[in-house]
């Protein structure tokens, strides 16, 4: 299904921004282009806002992102030509700063980056130009808050974690913090991330929620069935194992949409607990909307910087059961979700029991979701641009 039509107020705001930026040369920067996830949805909207802007990135896998992005002029880094980089690009993590320094945007007046790794560094600054606005999804999560999720002793071994990945992380932390001064204005996707930007970079950030394609989900008729739903990459920090264990202990069916390196272990866990779990892998947007419409509730036991999935769920009228931490506290309310504070199977199980004693109004959930549409994102982002001295 296509992107929702922009309403007239947003069209007016976008035209106003274009009028102010008409004489400026604009360049976009993004970490890598290997699939359409939350960061790429933000980039898609920015590509719509700046249709002529060239795009700089570490790596581009052709055909992996939407047409709106693919039609831009794309410049890549030396990572593009490294062995097995299309599938194993994360293995080159220690070299990301080098690749970023070799692929910097030049000859522009306004640089707009969307960054969770090194994109914010991919700009050449001369006498204060270009003016650089960074839409930051998070400071490098795998070297700051979530090092153990990626490189902890239980993932790579005690010695490798301490003596190999630890020093690499320290070096990347230094680079991440040192290149923050290449940004003039930070725009965070949530207050949760803005707080992290302040703590790590000692910088303030405006907050503009990312675009969620609520129009894809808002029209269907809600027909809840007796099973619960998880939509997530199958990686450790998503805590899908807790959802499986909680459903197994309550004897509730669970459907899981997504794939990832933890799938084999999660399947084995489901078998060992005799859980009624169906692994569905990736599904189309239309199928995803149908699963939201039929799920009893979405289980969301992980911690996300923003969390697009819960917004998609409530756009379909599907309530959420979520750990009370991270960006979900900014998108959900007690009228759209049941929260729990103990990040454990027992905490999730208790919240599921509480949920089953409550009722939710789908129309109220959908109304809440409308506040996180693409229209809302573009209105917020163009508002930031219009407040920049010299650009308005």
Protein backbone atom coordinates (compact mmCIF):
# COMPACT_ATOMS: atom_id res chain seq x y z
CA UNK A 1 0.00 0.00 0.00
CA UNK A 2 1.25 3.53 -0.74
CA UNK A 3 2.16 6.34 1.59
CA UNK A 4 -0.70 8.32 3.08
CA UNK A 5 -1.65 11.50 1.27
CA UNK A 6 -0.28 14.62 2.90
CA UNK A 7 -2.98 16.89 4.23
CA UNK A 8 -3.26 20.51 3.07
CA UNK A 9 -1.69 22.06 6.18
CA UNK A 10 1.40 19.90 5.81
CA UNK A 11 1.60 20.61 2.07
CA UNK A 12 1.56 24.31 2.90
CA UNK A 13 4.31 23.85 5.49
CA UNK A 14 6.45 21.81 3.08
CA UNK A 15 6.02 24.42 0.34
CA UNK A 16 6.98 27.13 2.82
CA UNK A 17 10.12 25.22 3.77
CA UNK A 18 10.99 24.72 0.09
CA UNK A 19 10.51 28.41 -0.57
CA UNK A 20 12.98 29.23 2.21
CA UNK A 21 15.47 26.55 1.09
CA UNK A 22 15.02 27.03 -2.67
CA UNK A 23 18.42 28.65 -3.21
CA UNK A 24 20.28 26.25 -0.92
CA UNK A 25 22.13 23.12 -2.00
CA UNK A 26 20.91 20.29 0.23
CA UNK A 27 22.68 16.94 0.82
CA UNK A 28 21.35 13.92 2.73
CA UNK A 29 23.49 11.43 4.71
CA UNK A 30 22.48 8.00 6.04
CA UNK A 31 24.46 5.18 7.66
CA UNK A 32 23.72 2.36 5.20
CA UNK A 33 21.01 1.27 2.78
CA UNK A 34 20.37 -2.46 3.18
CA UNK A 35 16.64 -2.64 4.02
CA UNK A 36 13.55 -0.65 5.00
CA UNK A 37 13.53 -0.31 8.77
CA UNK A 38 12.56 2.63 10.96
CA UNK A 39 15.57 4.75 10.02
CA UNK A 40 14.93 4.24 6.33
CA UNK A 41 11.29 5.30 6.78
CA UNK A 42 12.59 8.63 8.12
CA UNK A 43 14.97 8.91 5.17
CA UNK A 44 12.11 8.15 2.77
CA UNK A 45 10.18 11.14 4.10
CA UNK A 46 13.26 13.37 3.88
CA UNK A 47 13.81 12.22 0.29
CA UNK A 48 10.24 13.31 -0.40
CA UNK A 49 10.96 16.66 1.22
CA UNK A 50 14.24 17.12 -0.72
CA UNK A 51 13.69 15.26 -4.03
CA UNK A 52 16.81 16.66 -5.73
CA UNK A 53 19.25 16.16 -2.86
CA UNK A 54 22.18 13.76 -3.42
CA UNK A 55 22.59 11.06 -0.79
CA UNK A 56 25.81 9.89 0.91
CA UNK A 57 25.99 6.51 2.68
CA UNK A 58 28.54 3.86 3.68
CA UNK A 59 26.88 1.06 1.72
CA UNK A 60 24.00 0.66 -0.73
CA UNK A 61 22.48 -2.68 -1.61
CA UNK A 62 20.51 -1.87 -4.79
CA UNK A 63 16.84 -2.73 -4.58
CA UNK A 64 16.83 -3.03 -0.80
CA UNK A 65 15.10 0.28 -0.14
CA UNK A 66 12.07 2.06 -1.53
CA UNK A 67 11.83 3.80 -4.87
CA UNK A 68 11.73 7.21 -3.17
CA UNK A 69 15.28 6.60 -1.90
CA UNK A 70 16.63 4.61 -4.85
CA UNK A 71 15.90 7.41 -7.34
CA UNK A 72 18.34 9.78 -5.61
CA UNK A 73 21.97 10.15 -6.65
CA UNK A 74 23.75 7.87 -4.15
CA UNK A 75 27.44 8.11 -3.24
CA UNK A 76 28.91 5.21 -1.23
CA UNK A 77 32.10 4.67 0.78
CA UNK A 78 34.92 2.14 0.19
CA UNK A 79 32.83 -0.30 2.27
CA UNK A 80 30.76 -0.81 -0.88
CA UNK A 81 33.69 -2.65 -2.48
CA UNK A 82 34.93 -4.65 0.50
CA UNK A 83 34.63 -8.49 0.40
CA UNK A 84 31.22 -9.82 1.48
CA UNK A 85 30.14 -6.32 2.56
CA UNK A 86 26.58 -6.73 1.25
CA UNK A 87 25.81 -9.32 3.95
CA UNK A 88 28.65 -8.95 6.45
CA UNK A 89 28.98 -5.16 6.60
CA UNK A 90 28.66 -5.11 10.40
CA UNK A 91 31.92 -7.07 10.61
CA UNK A 92 33.65 -3.92 9.36
CA UNK A 93 32.44 -1.90 12.38
CA UNK A 94 35.97 -0.88 13.52
CA UNK A 95 36.54 0.68 10.08
CA UNK A 96 33.28 2.66 9.97
CA UNK A 97 34.97 5.92 11.12
CA UNK A 98 37.59 5.58 8.39
CA UNK A 99 34.93 4.95 5.74
CA UNK A 100 32.91 7.92 7.01
CA UNK A 101 35.95 10.22 6.81
CA UNK A 102 36.53 9.09 3.23
CA UNK A 103 32.90 9.77 2.20
CA UNK A 104 31.99 13.24 3.38
CA UNK A 105 29.39 15.52 1.80
CA UNK A 106 30.86 18.69 0.34
CA UNK A 107 29.74 21.68 -1.71
CA UNK A 108 26.38 22.15 -0.05
CA UNK A 109 24.66 24.73 2.12
CA UNK A 110 22.48 22.41 4.21
CA UNK A 111 23.38 18.86 5.26
CA UNK A 112 20.68 16.63 6.76
CA UNK A 113 21.79 13.34 8.29
CA UNK A 114 19.80 10.48 9.76
CA UNK A 115 22.18 8.71 12.10
CA UNK A 116 22.54 5.83 14.53
CA UNK A 117 26.20 5.15 13.74
CA UNK A 118 28.52 7.44 11.75
CA UNK A 119 26.24 9.35 9.34
CA UNK A 120 26.45 12.46 11.52
CA UNK A 121 30.21 12.53 10.83
CA UNK A 122 29.88 12.35 7.03
CA UNK A 123 30.12 16.08 6.38
CA UNK A 124 33.07 18.28 5.47
CA UNK A 125 32.93 21.54 7.46
CA UNK A 126 34.61 24.65 6.11
CA UNK A 127 34.10 28.02 7.81
CA UNK A 128 30.88 26.82 9.46
CA UNK A 129 29.27 25.53 6.26
CA UNK A 130 27.26 23.57 5.54
CA UNK A 131 24.70 24.00 8.29
CA UNK A 132 24.13 20.47 9.59
CA UNK A 133 20.86 19.14 11.00
CA UNK A 134 21.11 15.58 12.38
CA UNK A 135 18.00 13.49 12.92
CA UNK A 136 19.45 11.10 15.47
CA UNK A 137 17.87 7.73 16.16
CA UNK A 138 20.41 7.11 18.94
CA UNK A 139 24.10 7.57 19.67
CA UNK A 140 25.93 4.36 18.68
CA UNK A 141 23.92 1.90 20.78
CA UNK A 142 26.36 -1.01 20.46
CA UNK A 143 29.23 0.93 22.04
CA UNK A 144 27.26 2.84 24.68
CA UNK A 145 24.13 1.45 26.36
CA UNK A 146 23.95 -1.96 24.67
CA UNK A 147 27.52 -3.13 24.43
CA UNK A 148 26.73 -6.33 26.35
CA UNK A 149 23.80 -7.15 24.03
CA UNK A 150 26.22 -7.27 21.10
CA UNK A 151 29.70 -7.92 22.52
CA UNK A 152 29.19 -9.03 26.11
CA UNK A 153 30.93 -12.10 27.60
CA UNK A 154 27.91 -14.34 26.96
CA UNK A 155 27.91 -13.32 23.26
CA UNK A 156 31.58 -13.41 22.25
CA UNK A 157 33.37 -14.85 25.27
CA UNK A 158 34.94 -13.15 28.28
CA UNK A 159 38.41 -12.61 26.81
CA UNK A 160 37.18 -11.39 23.42
CA UNK A 161 34.72 -9.03 25.08
CA UNK A 162 37.32 -7.51 27.38
CA UNK A 163 40.48 -7.48 25.29
CA UNK A 164 39.22 -7.19 21.70
CA UNK A 165 35.75 -5.68 21.48
CA UNK A 166 36.18 -3.55 24.60
CA UNK A 167 39.06 -1.45 23.17
CA UNK A 168 37.25 -1.18 19.82
CA UNK A 169 34.17 0.14 21.63
CA UNK A 170 36.30 2.70 23.50
CA UNK A 171 37.73 3.96 20.23
CA UNK A 172 34.28 4.21 18.65
CA UNK A 173 32.96 6.03 21.72
CA UNK A 174 35.72 8.61 21.33
CA UNK A 175 34.91 9.07 17.62
CA UNK A 176 31.17 9.23 18.24
CA UNK A 177 31.56 11.92 20.89
CA UNK A 178 34.27 13.88 19.04
CA UNK A 179 32.20 14.19 15.84
CA UNK A 180 29.15 15.57 17.65
CA UNK A 181 30.53 19.08 17.08
CA UNK A 182 30.00 18.62 13.33
CA UNK A 183 26.26 18.95 14.03
CA UNK A 184 24.57 22.33 14.44
CA UNK A 185 21.11 21.07 15.43
CA UNK A 186 20.21 17.63 16.79
CA UNK A 187 16.66 16.39 16.28
CA UNK A 188 15.90 13.27 18.34
CA UNK A 189 13.14 10.76 17.66
CA UNK A 190 12.03 10.76 21.32
CA UNK A 191 12.71 12.44 24.66
CA UNK A 192 14.33 9.16 25.68
CA UNK A 193 16.96 9.63 22.94
CA UNK A 194 17.23 13.37 23.60
CA UNK A 195 18.22 12.53 27.18
CA UNK A 196 20.89 10.16 25.87
CA UNK A 197 22.19 12.85 23.49
CA UNK A 198 22.49 15.24 26.45
CA UNK A 199 24.26 12.62 28.58
CA UNK A 200 26.72 11.43 25.93
CA UNK A 201 27.31 14.52 23.79
CA UNK A 202 26.39 17.23 26.30
CA UNK A 203 24.08 18.69 23.64
CA UNK A 204 20.38 19.56 23.58
CA UNK A 205 18.09 18.06 20.95
CA UNK A 206 14.68 18.99 19.66
CA UNK A 207 12.20 16.11 19.55
CA UNK A 208 10.22 15.13 16.44
CA UNK A 209 8.64 11.66 16.42
CA UNK A 210 9.47 9.60 13.30
CA UNK A 211 6.86 8.95 10.61
CA UNK A 212 4.66 5.88 11.03
CA UNK A 213 2.54 4.72 8.07
CA UNK A 214 -0.62 4.70 10.18
CA UNK A 215 -2.75 4.96 7.02
CA UNK A 216 -1.82 1.36 6.17
CA UNK A 217 -3.43 0.07 9.35
CA UNK A 218 -6.18 2.46 10.35
CA UNK A 219 -8.94 1.41 7.94
CA UNK A 220 -9.36 -2.32 8.72
CA UNK A 221 -12.07 -3.84 10.89
CA UNK A 222 -10.85 -5.13 14.24
CA UNK A 223 -11.59 -8.86 14.71
CA UNK A 224 -9.55 -10.04 17.73
CA UNK A 225 -8.85 -13.75 18.22
CA UNK A 226 -7.36 -15.63 21.18
CA UNK A 227 -3.64 -15.39 20.30
CA UNK A 228 -0.97 -12.83 21.15
CA UNK A 229 1.48 -11.25 18.71
CA UNK A 230 5.17 -10.27 18.68
CA UNK A 231 6.61 -8.24 15.78
CA UNK A 232 10.38 -7.92 16.17
CA UNK A 233 13.82 -8.77 14.88
CA UNK A 234 14.88 -11.97 16.64
CA UNK A 235 17.84 -10.50 18.52
CA UNK A 236 18.57 -10.65 22.27
CA UNK A 237 17.52 -7.17 23.37
CA UNK A 238 14.00 -7.63 21.95
CA UNK A 239 13.42 -10.23 24.73
CA UNK A 240 11.25 -12.44 22.56
CA UNK A 241 12.24 -15.34 24.82
CA UNK A 242 10.26 -13.70 27.65
CA UNK A 243 7.17 -13.49 25.45
CA UNK A 244 7.48 -17.20 24.60
CA UNK A 245 7.94 -18.19 28.24
CA UNK A 246 5.06 -15.99 29.46
CA UNK A 247 2.66 -17.39 26.86
CA UNK A 248 3.79 -20.93 27.61
CA UNK A 249 3.14 -20.53 31.35
CA UNK A 250 -0.33 -19.08 30.71
CA UNK A 251 -1.04 -21.57 27.90
CA UNK A 252 -1.74 -18.77 25.43
CA UNK A 253 -1.01 -19.09 21.68
CA UNK A 254 1.66 -16.76 20.28
CA UNK A 255 2.51 -15.71 16.73
CA UNK A 256 5.93 -14.18 16.00
CA UNK A 257 6.62 -12.02 12.95
CA UNK A 258 10.28 -11.38 12.20
CA UNK A 259 13.56 -13.22 11.82
CA UNK A 260 17.12 -12.93 13.06
CA UNK A 261 20.12 -14.72 14.54
CA UNK A 262 18.20 -15.87 17.64
CA UNK A 263 15.53 -17.77 15.72
CA UNK A 264 17.08 -21.23 16.20
CA UNK A 265 17.41 -20.74 19.97
CA UNK A 266 13.88 -19.33 20.26
CA UNK A 267 12.41 -22.25 18.35
CA UNK A 268 14.24 -24.64 20.68
CA UNK A 269 12.92 -22.71 23.70
CA UNK A 270 9.35 -22.97 22.40
CA UNK A 271 9.73 -26.73 21.96
CA UNK A 272 11.27 -27.21 25.41
CA UNK A 273 8.42 -25.24 27.06
CA UNK A 274 5.77 -26.94 24.91
CA UNK A 275 4.61 -23.49 23.91
CA UNK A 276 2.00 -22.93 21.20
CA UNK A 277 4.16 -20.66 19.04
CA UNK A 278 4.01 -20.01 15.30
CA UNK A 279 7.09 -18.42 13.69
CA UNK A 280 5.94 -16.48 10.62
CA UNK A 281 9.16 -14.83 9.45
CA UNK A 282 8.81 -11.63 7.41
CA UNK A 283 5.36 -10.79 6.06
CA UNK A 284 4.04 -8.18 3.63
CA UNK A 285 2.60 -4.89 4.85
CA UNK A 286 -0.91 -6.07 3.99
CA UNK A 287 -0.45 -9.31 5.92
CA UNK A 288 1.06 -7.44 8.87
CA UNK A 289 -2.00 -5.18 9.04
CA UNK A 290 -4.21 -8.29 9.04
CA UNK A 291 -2.27 -9.84 11.94
CA UNK A 292 -2.62 -6.63 13.97
CA UNK A 293 -6.37 -6.65 13.33
CA UNK A 294 -6.74 -10.22 14.60
CA UNK A 295 -4.26 -10.34 17.50
CA UNK A 296 -5.58 -10.23 21.04
CA UNK A 297 -2.75 -7.82 21.90
CA UNK A 298 0.80 -6.98 20.90
CA UNK A 299 3.51 -8.07 23.36
CA UNK A 300 6.40 -5.59 23.55
CA UNK A 301 8.95 -6.74 26.15
CA UNK A 302 12.01 -4.97 24.71
CA UNK A 303 13.31 -1.41 25.15
CA UNK A 304 13.25 0.77 22.02
CA UNK A 305 14.41 4.31 21.37
CA UNK A 306 10.99 5.09 19.88
CA UNK A 307 9.12 1.93 18.90
CA UNK A 308 7.22 2.04 15.61
CA UNK A 309 5.60 -1.39 16.07
CA UNK A 310 3.34 -0.40 19.01
CA UNK A 311 2.10 2.63 17.03
CA UNK A 312 1.30 0.40 14.06
CA UNK A 313 -0.57 -1.92 16.40
CA UNK A 314 -2.80 0.76 17.94
CA UNK A 315 -3.43 2.20 14.47
CA UNK A 316 -5.12 -1.16 13.82
CA UNK A 317 -7.01 -0.93 17.12
CA UNK A 318 -4.76 -3.60 18.69
CA UNK A 319 -3.81 -2.84 22.32
CA UNK A 320 -0.27 -3.24 23.62
CA UNK A 321 1.34 -4.93 26.63
CA UNK A 322 4.71 -3.23 27.10
CA UNK A 323 7.67 -2.92 29.43
CA UNK A 324 7.50 0.58 30.92
CA UNK A 325 10.84 1.81 29.60
CA UNK A 326 12.09 3.71 26.56
CA UNK A 327 10.19 5.49 23.81
CA UNK A 328 7.01 3.46 24.30
CA UNK A 329 6.24 5.62 27.33
CA UNK A 330 5.94 8.59 24.96
CA UNK A 331 3.71 6.90 22.38
CA UNK A 332 1.43 4.76 24.54
CA UNK A 333 -0.92 5.74 27.37
CA UNK A 334 -2.80 3.69 29.95
CA UNK A 335 -5.76 3.80 27.59
CA UNK A 336 -3.79 2.15 24.77
CA UNK A 337 -1.51 -0.21 26.70
CA UNK A 338 -0.90 -2.18 29.87
CA UNK A 339 2.56 -1.40 31.26
CA UNK A 340 4.74 -3.48 33.55
CA UNK A 341 7.94 -2.42 35.30
CA UNK A 342 9.76 -5.71 36.02
CA UNK A 343 11.70 -6.79 32.91
CA UNK A 344 11.08 -10.50 33.39
CA UNK A 345 8.78 -13.35 32.43
CA UNK A 346 6.91 -12.86 35.71
CA UNK A 347 6.41 -9.16 34.99
CA UNK A 348 5.05 -9.81 31.50
CA UNK A 349 2.86 -12.67 32.70
CA UNK A 350 1.32 -10.45 35.39
CA UNK A 351 0.63 -7.72 32.80
CA UNK A 352 -1.07 -10.23 30.50
CA UNK A 353 -3.35 -11.30 33.33
CA UNK A 354 -4.19 -7.66 34.03
CA UNK A 355 -4.85 -7.06 30.32
CA UNK A 356 -7.31 -9.94 30.15
CA UNK A 357 -9.46 -8.24 32.81
CA UNK A 358 -9.62 -4.96 30.88
CA UNK A 359 -11.24 -3.67 27.71
CA UNK A 360 -9.95 -1.19 25.12
CA UNK A 361 -11.77 0.94 22.59
CA UNK A 362 -10.24 0.52 19.08
CA UNK A 363 -11.40 3.97 17.95
CA UNK A 364 -9.51 5.58 20.83
CA UNK A 365 -6.36 3.62 20.01
CA UNK A 366 -6.53 4.66 16.36
CA UNK A 367 -7.01 8.31 17.28
CA UNK A 368 -3.84 8.19 19.37
CA UNK A 369 -1.90 6.67 16.46
CA UNK A 370 -2.79 9.54 14.12
CA UNK A 371 -0.48 11.82 16.10
CA UNK A 372 2.53 9.87 14.77
CA UNK A 373 1.76 10.01 11.05
CA UNK A 374 4.07 11.13 8.25
CA UNK A 375 2.13 14.38 8.18
CA UNK A 376 3.01 15.00 11.81
CA UNK A 377 6.69 14.20 11.18
CA UNK A 378 7.00 16.54 8.19
CA UNK A 379 5.21 19.33 10.03
CA UNK A 380 7.60 18.94 12.98
CA UNK A 381 10.77 18.68 10.89
CA UNK A 382 9.97 21.59 8.58
CA UNK A 383 9.12 23.58 11.71
CA UNK A 384 12.66 22.96 12.97
CA UNK A 385 14.10 24.14 9.65
CA UNK A 386 12.02 27.33 9.64
CA UNK A 387 13.37 28.23 13.09
CA UNK A 388 17.01 28.10 11.96
CA UNK A 389 18.44 31.63 11.55
CA UNK A 390 19.50 32.29 7.98
CA UNK A 391 17.50 29.38 6.55
CA UNK A 392 14.02 30.83 7.02
